[in-house]
Amino acid sequence: MRQEVFVRFDARTEFQIPVHAGAAPMASDEARRWLDDQFLANDCEPLRLSGKVLTADKVLALADGVGPQRFADDGAFRDAFARAVVAALAQPVVRVDVEGRALSY
């Protein structure tokens, strides 16, 4: 089954990140932990005023926080992000629209 993550920053900046079949799958709890750690390490801000941070919010905030340059320059981060996103959200294809603040499956 095909697994990939699309991260769109604007009309001209989009990354298509395949999750390679040979890569060890990430368990959902490991994926959520990776997203939590990266959310904190990159000083991401919660999207909701209540302070509650859903997994989808972490994905959006993390992509926004690191920006397109990190996705372009850091292949290890880019691949780990894609593996964590598909595992944490339990979806084979995820579209992260940073500009529109939306995730779709």
PDB file of N, CA and C in Angstrom:
ATOM      1  N   MET A   1       0.840  -1.178   0.000  1.00  0.00           N
ATOM      2  CA  MET A   1       0.000   0.000   0.000  1.00  0.00           C
ATOM      3  C   MET A   1       0.891   1.251   0.000  1.00  0.00           C
ATOM      4  N   ARG A   2       0.535   2.168  -0.827  1.00  0.00           N
ATOM      5  CA  ARG A   2       1.258   3.425  -0.949  1.00  0.00           C
ATOM      6  C   ARG A   2       1.024   4.274   0.298  1.00  0.00           C
ATOM      7  N   GLN A   3       2.110   4.831   0.837  1.00  0.00           N
ATOM      8  CA  GLN A   3       2.017   5.768   1.952  1.00  0.00           C
ATOM      9  C   GLN A   3       2.845   6.992   1.594  1.00  0.00           C
ATOM     10  N   GLU A   4       2.233   8.160   1.759  1.00  0.00           N
ATOM     11  CA  GLU A   4       2.977   9.390   1.517  1.00  0.00           C
ATOM     12  C   GLU A   4       2.296  10.569   2.192  1.00  0.00           C
ATOM     13  N   VAL A   5       3.105  11.593   2.377  1.00  0.00           N
ATOM     14  CA  VAL A   5       2.625  12.825   3.000  1.00  0.00           C
ATOM     15  C   VAL A   5       2.950  13.973   2.054  1.00  0.00           C
ATOM     16  N   PHE A   6       1.975  14.835   1.846  1.00  0.00           N
ATOM     17  CA  PHE A   6       2.156  16.042   1.051  1.00  0.00           C
ATOM     18  C   PHE A   6       2.124  17.214   2.030  1.00  0.00           C
ATOM     19  N   VAL A   7       3.125  18.067   1.959  1.00  0.00           N
ATOM     20  CA  VAL A   7       3.144  19.248   2.815  1.00  0.00           C
ATOM     21  C   VAL A   7       3.157  20.464   1.896  1.00  0.00           C
ATOM     22  N   ARG A   8       2.091  21.248   1.965  1.00  0.00           N
ATOM     23  CA  ARG A   8       1.931  22.422   1.100  1.00  0.00           C
ATOM     24  C   ARG A   8       2.037  23.685   1.947  1.00  0.00           C
ATOM     25  N   PHE A   9       2.996  24.530   1.586  1.00  0.00           N
ATOM     26  CA  PHE A   9       3.172  25.804   2.284  1.00  0.00           C
ATOM     27  C   PHE A   9       2.461  26.941   1.565  1.00  0.00           C
ATOM     28  N   ASP A  10       2.509  26.914   0.235  1.00  0.00           N
ATOM     29  CA  ASP A  10       1.810  27.894  -0.590  1.00  0.00           C
ATOM     30  C   ASP A  10       1.694  27.306  -1.995  1.00  0.00           C
ATOM     31  N   ALA A  11       1.171  28.092  -2.917  1.00  0.00           N
ATOM     32  CA  ALA A  11       0.920  27.582  -4.270  1.00  0.00           C
ATOM     33  C   ALA A  11       2.187  27.084  -4.966  1.00  0.00           C
ATOM     34  N   ARG A  12       3.346  27.603  -4.589  1.00  0.00           N
ATOM     35  CA  ARG A  12       4.595  27.211  -5.254  1.00  0.00           C
ATOM     36  C   ARG A  12       5.471  26.288  -4.436  1.00  0.00           C
ATOM     37  N   THR A  13       5.103  26.046  -3.182  1.00  0.00           N
ATOM     38  CA  THR A  13       5.975  25.263  -2.309  1.00  0.00           C
ATOM     39  C   THR A  13       5.220  24.084  -1.715  1.00  0.00           C
ATOM     40  N   GLU A  14       5.460  22.916  -2.296  1.00  0.00           N
ATOM     41  CA  GLU A  14       4.834  21.697  -1.804  1.00  0.00           C
ATOM     42  C   GLU A  14       5.848  20.564  -1.858  1.00  0.00           C
ATOM     43  N   PHE A  15       5.819  19.729  -0.843  1.00  0.00           N
ATOM     44  CA  PHE A  15       6.707  18.576  -0.765  1.00  0.00           C
ATOM     45  C   PHE A  15       5.868  17.311  -0.787  1.00  0.00           C
ATOM     46  N   GLN A  16       6.260  16.376  -1.633  1.00  0.00           N
ATOM     47  CA  GLN A  16       5.643  15.056  -1.675  1.00  0.00           C
ATOM     48  C   GLN A  16       6.657  14.108  -1.055  1.00  0.00           C
ATOM     49  N   ILE A  17       6.295  13.531   0.087  1.00  0.00           N
ATOM     50  CA  ILE A  17       7.241  12.708   0.839  1.00  0.00           C
ATOM     51  C   ILE A  17       6.723  11.271   0.900  1.00  0.00           C
ATOM     52  N   PRO A  18       7.304  10.388   0.103  1.00  0.00           N
ATOM     53  CA  PRO A  18       6.881   8.994   0.161  1.00  0.00           C
ATOM     54  C   PRO A  18       7.452   8.314   1.408  1.00  0.00           C
ATOM     55  N   VAL A  19       6.671   7.426   1.976  1.00  0.00           N
ATOM     56  CA  VAL A  19       7.161   6.585   3.065  1.00  0.00           C
ATOM     57  C   VAL A  19       7.579   5.283   2.403  1.00  0.00           C
ATOM     58  N   HIS A  20       8.866   5.047   2.368  1.00  0.00           N
ATOM     59  CA  HIS A  20       9.399   3.906   1.634  1.00  0.00           C
ATOM     60  C   HIS A  20       8.990   2.588   2.281  1.00  0.00           C
ATOM     61  N   ALA A  21       8.605   1.668   1.451  1.00  0.00           N
ATOM     62  CA  ALA A  21       8.131   0.367   1.915  1.00  0.00           C
ATOM     63  C   ALA A  21       9.192  -0.361   2.734  1.00  0.00           C
ATOM     64  N   GLY A  22      10.460  -0.119   2.445  1.00  0.00           N
ATOM     65  CA  GLY A  22      11.536  -0.784   3.167  1.00  0.00           C
ATOM     66  C   GLY A  22      11.828  -0.188   4.530  1.00  0.00           C
ATOM     67  N   ALA A  23      11.306   0.997   4.795  1.00  0.00           N
ATOM     68  CA  ALA A  23      11.546   1.646   6.087  1.00  0.00           C
ATOM     69  C   ALA A  23      10.741   0.937   7.167  1.00  0.00           C
ATOM     70  N   ALA A  24      11.347   0.796   8.332  1.00  0.00           N
ATOM     71  CA  ALA A  24      10.638   0.166   9.449  1.00  0.00           C
ATOM     72  C   ALA A  24       9.440   1.030   9.830  1.00  0.00           C
ATOM     73  N   PRO A  25       8.266   0.423   9.927  1.00  0.00           N
ATOM     74  CA  PRO A  25       7.093   1.217  10.295  1.00  0.00           C
ATOM     75  C   PRO A  25       7.214   1.730  11.726  1.00  0.00           C
ATOM     76  N   MET A  26       6.644   2.885  11.958  1.00  0.00           N
ATOM     77  CA  MET A  26       6.659   3.487  13.276  1.00  0.00           C
ATOM     78  C   MET A  26       5.351   3.101  13.974  1.00  0.00           C
ATOM     79  N   ALA A  27       5.439   2.655  15.207  1.00  0.00           N
ATOM     80  CA  ALA A  27       4.235   2.359  15.982  1.00  0.00           C
ATOM     81  C   ALA A  27       3.526   3.672  16.291  1.00  0.00           C
ATOM     82  N   SER A  28       2.213   3.623  16.464  1.00  0.00           N
ATOM     83  CA  SER A  28       1.462   4.862  16.675  1.00  0.00           C
ATOM     84  C   SER A  28       1.893   5.598  17.937  1.00  0.00           C
ATOM     85  N   ASP A  29       2.196   4.882  19.021  1.00  0.00           N
ATOM     86  CA  ASP A  29       2.646   5.568  20.234  1.00  0.00           C
ATOM     87  C   ASP A  29       4.025   6.185  20.044  1.00  0.00           C
ATOM     88  N   GLU A  30       4.901   5.519  19.316  1.00  0.00           N
ATOM     89  CA  GLU A  30       6.221   6.058  18.998  1.00  0.00           C
ATOM     90  C   GLU A  30       6.083   7.299  18.108  1.00  0.00           C
ATOM     91  N   ALA A  31       5.161   7.250  17.156  1.00  0.00           N
ATOM     92  CA  ALA A  31       4.934   8.384  16.258  1.00  0.00           C
ATOM     93  C   ALA A  31       4.418   9.592  17.023  1.00  0.00           C
ATOM     94  N   ARG A  32       3.466   9.372  17.923  1.00  0.00           N
ATOM     95  CA  ARG A  32       2.948  10.494  18.722  1.00  0.00           C
ATOM     96  C   ARG A  32       4.033  11.068  19.621  1.00  0.00           C
ATOM     97  N   ARG A  33       4.876  10.206  20.180  1.00  0.00           N
ATOM     98  CA  ARG A  33       5.996  10.670  21.019  1.00  0.00           C
ATOM     99  C   ARG A  33       6.981  11.506  20.181  1.00  0.00           C
ATOM    100  N   TRP A  34       7.276  11.046  18.953  1.00  0.00           N
ATOM    101  CA  TRP A  34       8.190  11.795  18.078  1.00  0.00           C
ATOM    102  C   TRP A  34       7.602  13.176  17.783  1.00  0.00           C
ATOM    103  N   LEU A  35       6.306  13.226  17.458  1.00  0.00           N
ATOM    104  CA  LEU A  35       5.655  14.508  17.182  1.00  0.00           C
ATOM    105  C   LEU A  35       5.676  15.403  18.419  1.00  0.00           C
ATOM    106  N   ASP A  36       5.412  14.832  19.602  1.00  0.00           N
ATOM    107  CA  ASP A  36       5.467  15.606  20.848  1.00  0.00           C
ATOM    108  C   ASP A  36       6.852  16.200  21.058  1.00  0.00           C
ATOM    109  N   ASP A  37       7.877  15.355  20.910  1.00  0.00           N
ATOM    110  CA  ASP A  37       9.260  15.809  21.117  1.00  0.00           C
ATOM    111  C   ASP A  37       9.635  16.918  20.136  1.00  0.00           C
ATOM    112  N   GLN A  38       9.265  16.748  18.878  1.00  0.00           N
ATOM    113  CA  GLN A  38       9.587  17.753  17.865  1.00  0.00           C
ATOM    114  C   GLN A  38       8.792  19.043  18.081  1.00  0.00           C
ATOM    115  N   PHE A  39       7.553  18.902  18.522  1.00  0.00           N
ATOM    116  CA  PHE A  39       6.706  20.063  18.816  1.00  0.00           C
ATOM    117  C   PHE A  39       7.382  20.927  19.879  1.00  0.00           C
ATOM    118  N   LEU A  40       7.887  20.291  20.923  1.00  0.00           N
ATOM    119  CA  LEU A  40       8.571  21.019  22.002  1.00  0.00           C
ATOM    120  C   LEU A  40       9.942  21.533  21.570  1.00  0.00           C
ATOM    121  N   ALA A  41      10.710  20.700  20.889  1.00  0.00           N
ATOM    122  CA  ALA A  41      12.067  21.076  20.473  1.00  0.00           C
ATOM    123  C   ALA A  41      12.076  22.258  19.516  1.00  0.00           C
ATOM    124  N   ASN A  42      11.005  22.415  18.753  1.00  0.00           N
ATOM    125  CA  ASN A  42      10.947  23.496  17.766  1.00  0.00           C
ATOM    126  C   ASN A  42      10.085  24.669  18.233  1.00  0.00           C
ATOM    127  N   ASP A  43       9.786  24.701  19.541  1.00  0.00           N
ATOM    128  CA  ASP A  43       9.024  25.801  20.151  1.00  0.00           C
ATOM    129  C   ASP A  43       7.732  26.111  19.413  1.00  0.00           C
ATOM    130  N   CYS A  44       7.011  25.070  19.047  1.00  0.00           N
ATOM    131  CA  CYS A  44       5.741  25.265  18.338  1.00  0.00           C
ATOM    132  C   CYS A  44       4.677  25.768  19.307  1.00  0.00           C
ATOM    133  N   GLU A  45       3.765  26.539  18.777  1.00  0.00           N
ATOM    134  CA  GLU A  45       2.684  27.118  19.565  1.00  0.00           C
ATOM    135  C   GLU A  45       1.388  26.350  19.318  1.00  0.00           C
ATOM    136  N   PRO A  46       0.605  26.105  20.384  1.00  0.00           N
ATOM    137  CA  PRO A  46      -0.704  25.465  20.183  1.00  0.00           C
ATOM    138  C   PRO A  46      -1.586  26.322  19.288  1.00  0.00           C
ATOM    139  N   LEU A  47      -2.379  25.674  18.449  1.00  0.00           N
ATOM    140  CA  LEU A  47      -3.246  26.391  17.526  1.00  0.00           C
ATOM    141  C   LEU A  47      -4.561  26.808  18.183  1.00  0.00           C
ATOM    142  N   ARG A  48      -4.938  26.124  19.249  1.00  0.00           N
ATOM    143  CA  ARG A  48      -6.211  26.403  19.920  1.00  0.00           C
ATOM    144  C   ARG A  48      -5.977  27.249  21.167  1.00  0.00           C
ATOM    145  N   LEU A  49      -6.865  28.174  21.410  1.00  0.00           N
ATOM    146  CA  LEU A  49      -6.755  29.038  22.580  1.00  0.00           C
ATOM    147  C   LEU A  49      -6.886  28.253  23.878  1.00  0.00           C
ATOM    148  N   SER A  50      -7.571  27.130  23.836  1.00  0.00           N
ATOM    149  CA  SER A  50      -7.751  26.318  25.037  1.00  0.00           C
ATOM    150  C   SER A  50      -6.444  25.683  25.498  1.00  0.00           C
ATOM    151  N   GLY A  51      -5.459  25.642  24.613  1.00  0.00           N
ATOM    152  CA  GLY A  51      -4.184  25.020  24.938  1.00  0.00           C
ATOM    153  C   GLY A  51      -4.169  23.531  24.652  1.00  0.00           C
ATOM    154  N   LYS A  52      -5.325  22.952  24.347  1.00  0.00           N
ATOM    155  CA  LYS A  52      -5.387  21.534  24.004  1.00  0.00           C
ATOM    156  C   LYS A  52      -4.754  21.342  22.634  1.00  0.00           C
ATOM    157  N   VAL A  53      -3.873  20.361  22.551  1.00  0.00           N
ATOM    158  CA  VAL A  53      -3.162  20.141  21.297  1.00  0.00           C
ATOM    159  C   VAL A  53      -3.477  18.743  20.770  1.00  0.00           C
ATOM    160  N   LEU A  54      -4.258  18.695  19.712  1.00  0.00           N
ATOM    161  CA  LEU A  54      -4.593  17.435  19.061  1.00  0.00           C
ATOM    162  C   LEU A  54      -3.428  17.011  18.167  1.00  0.00           C
ATOM    163  N   THR A  55      -3.379  15.746  17.825  1.00  0.00           N
ATOM    164  CA  THR A  55      -2.304  15.249  16.964  1.00  0.00           C
ATOM    165  C   THR A  55      -2.279  16.005  15.636  1.00  0.00           C
ATOM    166  N   ALA A  56      -3.433  16.230  15.048  1.00  0.00           N
ATOM    167  CA  ALA A  56      -3.491  16.973  13.782  1.00  0.00           C
ATOM    168  C   ALA A  56      -2.941  18.386  13.962  1.00  0.00           C
ATOM    169  N   ASP A  57      -3.230  19.010  15.100  1.00  0.00           N
ATOM    170  CA  ASP A  57      -2.705  20.349  15.375  1.00  0.00           C
ATOM    171  C   ASP A  57      -1.182  20.330  15.475  1.00  0.00           C
ATOM    172  N   LYS A  58      -0.639  19.277  16.090  1.00  0.00           N
ATOM    173  CA  LYS A  58       0.815  19.160  16.211  1.00  0.00           C
ATOM    174  C   LYS A  58       1.462  19.051  14.842  1.00  0.00           C
ATOM    175  N   VAL A  59       0.839  18.266  13.973  1.00  0.00           N
ATOM    176  CA  VAL A  59       1.374  18.097  12.619  1.00  0.00           C
ATOM    177  C   VAL A  59       1.414  19.446  11.906  1.00  0.00           C
ATOM    178  N   LEU A  60       0.314  20.182  11.948  1.00  0.00           N
ATOM    179  CA  LEU A  60       0.256  21.501  11.303  1.00  0.00           C
ATOM    180  C   LEU A  60       1.238  22.482  11.922  1.00  0.00           C
ATOM    181  N   ALA A  61       1.260  22.556  13.252  1.00  0.00           N
ATOM    182  CA  ALA A  61       2.136  23.499  13.942  1.00  0.00           C
ATOM    183  C   ALA A  61       3.606  23.168  13.706  1.00  0.00           C
ATOM    184  N   LEU A  62       3.938  21.892  13.681  1.00  0.00           N
ATOM    185  CA  LEU A  62       5.323  21.493  13.451  1.00  0.00           C
ATOM    186  C   LEU A  62       5.765  21.845  12.036  1.00  0.00           C
ATOM    187  N   ALA A  63       4.941  21.526  11.047  1.00  0.00           N
ATOM    188  CA  ALA A  63       5.291  21.872   9.663  1.00  0.00           C
ATOM    189  C   ALA A  63       5.469  23.380   9.524  1.00  0.00           C
ATOM    190  N   ASP A  64       4.546  24.135  10.108  1.00  0.00           N
ATOM    191  CA  ASP A  64       4.631  25.595  10.055  1.00  0.00           C
ATOM    192  C   ASP A  64       5.859  26.098  10.803  1.00  0.00           C
ATOM    193  N   GLY A  65       6.118  25.520  11.967  1.00  0.00           N
ATOM    194  CA  GLY A  65       7.232  25.968  12.802  1.00  0.00           C
ATOM    195  C   GLY A  65       8.604  25.759  12.185  1.00  0.00           C
ATOM    196  N   VAL A  66       8.794  24.624  11.514  1.00  0.00           N
ATOM    197  CA  VAL A  66      10.111  24.373  10.919  1.00  0.00           C
ATOM    198  C   VAL A  66      10.236  25.014   9.548  1.00  0.00           C
ATOM    199  N   GLY A  67       9.133  25.204   8.852  1.00  0.00           N
ATOM    200  CA  GLY A  67       9.139  25.891   7.567  1.00  0.00           C
ATOM    201  C   GLY A  67       9.631  25.050   6.410  1.00  0.00           C
ATOM    202  N   PRO A  68       9.450  25.578   5.208  1.00  0.00           N
ATOM    203  CA  PRO A  68       9.797  24.820   4.000  1.00  0.00           C
ATOM    204  C   PRO A  68      11.292  24.548   3.857  1.00  0.00           C
ATOM    205  N   GLN A  69      12.116  25.413   4.390  1.00  0.00           N
ATOM    206  CA  GLN A  69      13.558  25.216   4.241  1.00  0.00           C
ATOM    207  C   GLN A  69      14.020  23.939   4.928  1.00  0.00           C
ATOM    208  N   ARG A  70      13.462  23.640   6.086  1.00  0.00           N
ATOM    209  CA  ARG A  70      13.835  22.409   6.804  1.00  0.00           C
ATOM    210  C   ARG A  70      13.432  21.182   6.001  1.00  0.00           C
ATOM    211  N   PHE A  71      12.263  21.227   5.384  1.00  0.00           N
ATOM    212  CA  PHE A  71      11.828  20.103   4.555  1.00  0.00           C
ATOM    213  C   PHE A  71      12.730  19.955   3.332  1.00  0.00           C
ATOM    214  N   ALA A  72      13.186  21.059   2.789  1.00  0.00           N
ATOM    215  CA  ALA A  72      14.055  21.014   1.611  1.00  0.00           C
ATOM    216  C   ALA A  72      15.460  20.525   1.960  1.00  0.00           C
ATOM    217  N   ASP A  73      15.965  20.933   3.126  1.00  0.00           N
ATOM    218  CA  ASP A  73      17.368  20.687   3.463  1.00  0.00           C
ATOM    219  C   ASP A  73      17.636  19.450   4.306  1.00  0.00           C
ATOM    220  N   ASP A  74      16.674  19.009   5.085  1.00  0.00           N
ATOM    221  CA  ASP A  74      16.916  17.957   6.075  1.00  0.00           C
ATOM    222  C   ASP A  74      16.121  16.697   5.726  1.00  0.00           C
ATOM    223  N   GLY A  75      16.739  15.845   4.931  1.00  0.00           N
ATOM    224  CA  GLY A  75      16.076  14.625   4.484  1.00  0.00           C
ATOM    225  C   GLY A  75      15.694  13.694   5.622  1.00  0.00           C
ATOM    226  N   ALA A  76      16.528  13.603   6.647  1.00  0.00           N
ATOM    227  CA  ALA A  76      16.222  12.729   7.780  1.00  0.00           C
ATOM    228  C   ALA A  76      14.974  13.224   8.513  1.00  0.00           C
ATOM    229  N   PHE A  77      14.877  14.532   8.717  1.00  0.00           N
ATOM    230  CA  PHE A  77      13.692  15.094   9.368  1.00  0.00           C
ATOM    231  C   PHE A  77      12.463  14.874   8.492  1.00  0.00           C
ATOM    232  N   ARG A  78      12.597  15.171   7.213  1.00  0.00           N
ATOM    233  CA  ARG A  78      11.485  15.045   6.262  1.00  0.00           C
ATOM    234  C   ARG A  78      10.933  13.610   6.273  1.00  0.00           C
ATOM    235  N   ASP A  79      11.824  12.616   6.225  1.00  0.00           N
ATOM    236  CA  ASP A  79      11.392  11.222   6.208  1.00  0.00           C
ATOM    237  C   ASP A  79      10.770  10.806   7.540  1.00  0.00           C
ATOM    238  N   ALA A  80      11.368  11.230   8.650  1.00  0.00           N
ATOM    239  CA  ALA A  80      10.819  10.900   9.973  1.00  0.00           C
ATOM    240  C   ALA A  80       9.458  11.563  10.167  1.00  0.00           C
ATOM    241  N   PHE A  81       9.303  12.789   9.680  1.00  0.00           N
ATOM    242  CA  PHE A  81       8.026  13.493   9.766  1.00  0.00           C
ATOM    243  C   PHE A  81       6.943  12.692   9.042  1.00  0.00           C
ATOM    244  N   ALA A  82       7.231  12.256   7.826  1.00  0.00           N
ATOM    245  CA  ALA A  82       6.250  11.503   7.040  1.00  0.00           C
ATOM    246  C   ALA A  82       5.901  10.186   7.723  1.00  0.00           C
ATOM    247  N   ARG A  83       6.896   9.465   8.211  1.00  0.00           N
ATOM    248  CA  ARG A  83       6.638   8.198   8.901  1.00  0.00           C
ATOM    249  C   ARG A  83       5.783   8.418  10.136  1.00  0.00           C
ATOM    250  N   ALA A  84       6.091   9.459  10.903  1.00  0.00           N
ATOM    251  CA  ALA A  84       5.342   9.752  12.131  1.00  0.00           C
ATOM    252  C   ALA A  84       3.910  10.167  11.813  1.00  0.00           C
ATOM    253  N   VAL A  85       3.731  10.972  10.786  1.00  0.00           N
ATOM    254  CA  VAL A  85       2.392  11.464  10.438  1.00  0.00           C
ATOM    255  C   VAL A  85       1.475  10.315  10.026  1.00  0.00           C
ATOM    256  N   VAL A  86       1.933   9.442   9.131  1.00  0.00           N
ATOM    257  CA  VAL A  86       1.058   8.355   8.690  1.00  0.00           C
ATOM    258  C   VAL A  86       0.775   7.382   9.832  1.00  0.00           C
ATOM    259  N   ALA A  87       1.736   7.176  10.719  1.00  0.00           N
ATOM    260  CA  ALA A  87       1.522   6.263  11.848  1.00  0.00           C
ATOM    261  C   ALA A  87       0.621   6.874  12.912  1.00  0.00           C
ATOM    262  N   ALA A  88       0.871   8.121  13.272  1.00  0.00           N
ATOM    263  CA  ALA A  88       0.089   8.767  14.331  1.00  0.00           C
ATOM    264  C   ALA A  88      -1.359   8.987  13.922  1.00  0.00           C
ATOM    265  N   LEU A  89      -1.582   9.280  12.649  1.00  0.00           N
ATOM    266  CA  LEU A  89      -2.939   9.545  12.173  1.00  0.00           C
ATOM    267  C   LEU A  89      -3.609   8.299  11.591  1.00  0.00           C
ATOM    268  N   ALA A  90      -2.843   7.213  11.473  1.00  0.00           N
ATOM    269  CA  ALA A  90      -3.345   5.949  10.931  1.00  0.00           C
ATOM    270  C   ALA A  90      -4.011   6.138   9.567  1.00  0.00           C
ATOM    271  N   GLN A  91      -3.340   6.919   8.715  1.00  0.00           N
ATOM    272  CA  GLN A  91      -3.820   7.181   7.357  1.00  0.00           C
ATOM    273  C   GLN A  91      -2.659   6.968   6.392  1.00  0.00           C
ATOM    274  N   PRO A  92      -2.881   6.284   5.268  1.00  0.00           N
ATOM    275  CA  PRO A  92      -1.780   6.036   4.335  1.00  0.00           C
ATOM    276  C   PRO A  92      -1.348   7.263   3.540  1.00  0.00           C
ATOM    277  N   VAL A  93      -2.269   8.180   3.290  1.00  0.00           N
ATOM    278  CA  VAL A  93      -1.940   9.396   2.545  1.00  0.00           C
ATOM    279  C   VAL A  93      -2.501  10.576   3.321  1.00  0.00           C
ATOM    280  N   VAL A  94      -1.615  11.529   3.627  1.00  0.00           N
ATOM    281  CA  VAL A  94      -2.021  12.706   4.395  1.00  0.00           C
ATOM    282  C   VAL A  94      -1.560  13.951   3.644  1.00  0.00           C
ATOM    283  N   ARG A  95      -2.466  14.910   3.524  1.00  0.00           N
ATOM    284  CA  ARG A  95      -2.143  16.204   2.923  1.00  0.00           C
ATOM    285  C   ARG A  95      -2.163  17.253   4.029  1.00  0.00           C
ATOM    286  N   VAL A  96      -1.018  17.904   4.206  1.00  0.00           N
ATOM    287  CA  VAL A  96      -0.862  18.932   5.229  1.00  0.00           C
ATOM    288  C   VAL A  96      -0.833  20.275   4.506  1.00  0.00           C
ATOM    289  N   ASP A  97      -1.872  21.062   4.666  1.00  0.00           N
ATOM    290  CA  ASP A  97      -1.958  22.381   4.027  1.00  0.00           C
ATOM    291  C   ASP A  97      -1.653  23.425   5.099  1.00  0.00           C
ATOM    292  N   VAL A  98      -0.400  23.840   5.164  1.00  0.00           N
ATOM    293  CA  VAL A  98       0.026  24.794   6.194  1.00  0.00           C
ATOM    294  C   VAL A  98      -0.663  26.128   5.991  1.00  0.00           C
ATOM    295  N   GLU A  99      -0.700  26.595   4.755  1.00  0.00           N
ATOM    296  CA  GLU A  99      -1.314  27.888   4.446  1.00  0.00           C
ATOM    297  C   GLU A  99      -2.806  27.899   4.814  1.00  0.00           C
ATOM    298  N   GLY A 100      -3.510  26.818   4.503  1.00  0.00           N
ATOM    299  CA  GLY A 100      -4.937  26.724   4.777  1.00  0.00           C
ATOM    300  C   GLY A 100      -5.262  26.176   6.156  1.00  0.00           C
ATOM    301  N   ARG A 101      -4.223  25.796   6.914  1.00  0.00           N
ATOM    302  CA  ARG A 101      -4.398  25.250   8.262  1.00  0.00           C
ATOM    303  C   ARG A 101      -5.357  24.050   8.274  1.00  0.00           C
ATOM    304  N   ALA A 102      -5.093  23.097   7.358  1.00  0.00           N
ATOM    305  CA  ALA A 102      -5.984  21.947   7.255  1.00  0.00           C
ATOM    306  C   ALA A 102      -5.197  20.679   6.939  1.00  0.00           C
ATOM    307  N   LEU A 103      -5.737  19.558   7.411  1.00  0.00           N
ATOM    308  CA  LEU A 103      -5.243  18.247   7.046  1.00  0.00           C
ATOM    309  C   LEU A 103      -6.349  17.522   6.318  1.00  0.00           C
ATOM    310  N   SER A 104      -5.972  16.758   5.317  1.00  0.00           N
ATOM    311  CA  SER A 104      -6.955  15.915   4.635  1.00  0.00           C
ATOM    312  C   SER A 104      -6.317  14.560   4.396  1.00  0.00           C
ATOM    313  N   TYR A 105      -7.191  13.564   4.241  1.00  0.00           N
ATOM    314  CA  TYR A 105      -6.734  12.182   4.097  1.00  0.00           C
ATOM    315  C   TYR A 105      -7.233  11.601   2.788  1.00  0.00           C
TER     316      TYR A 105
END
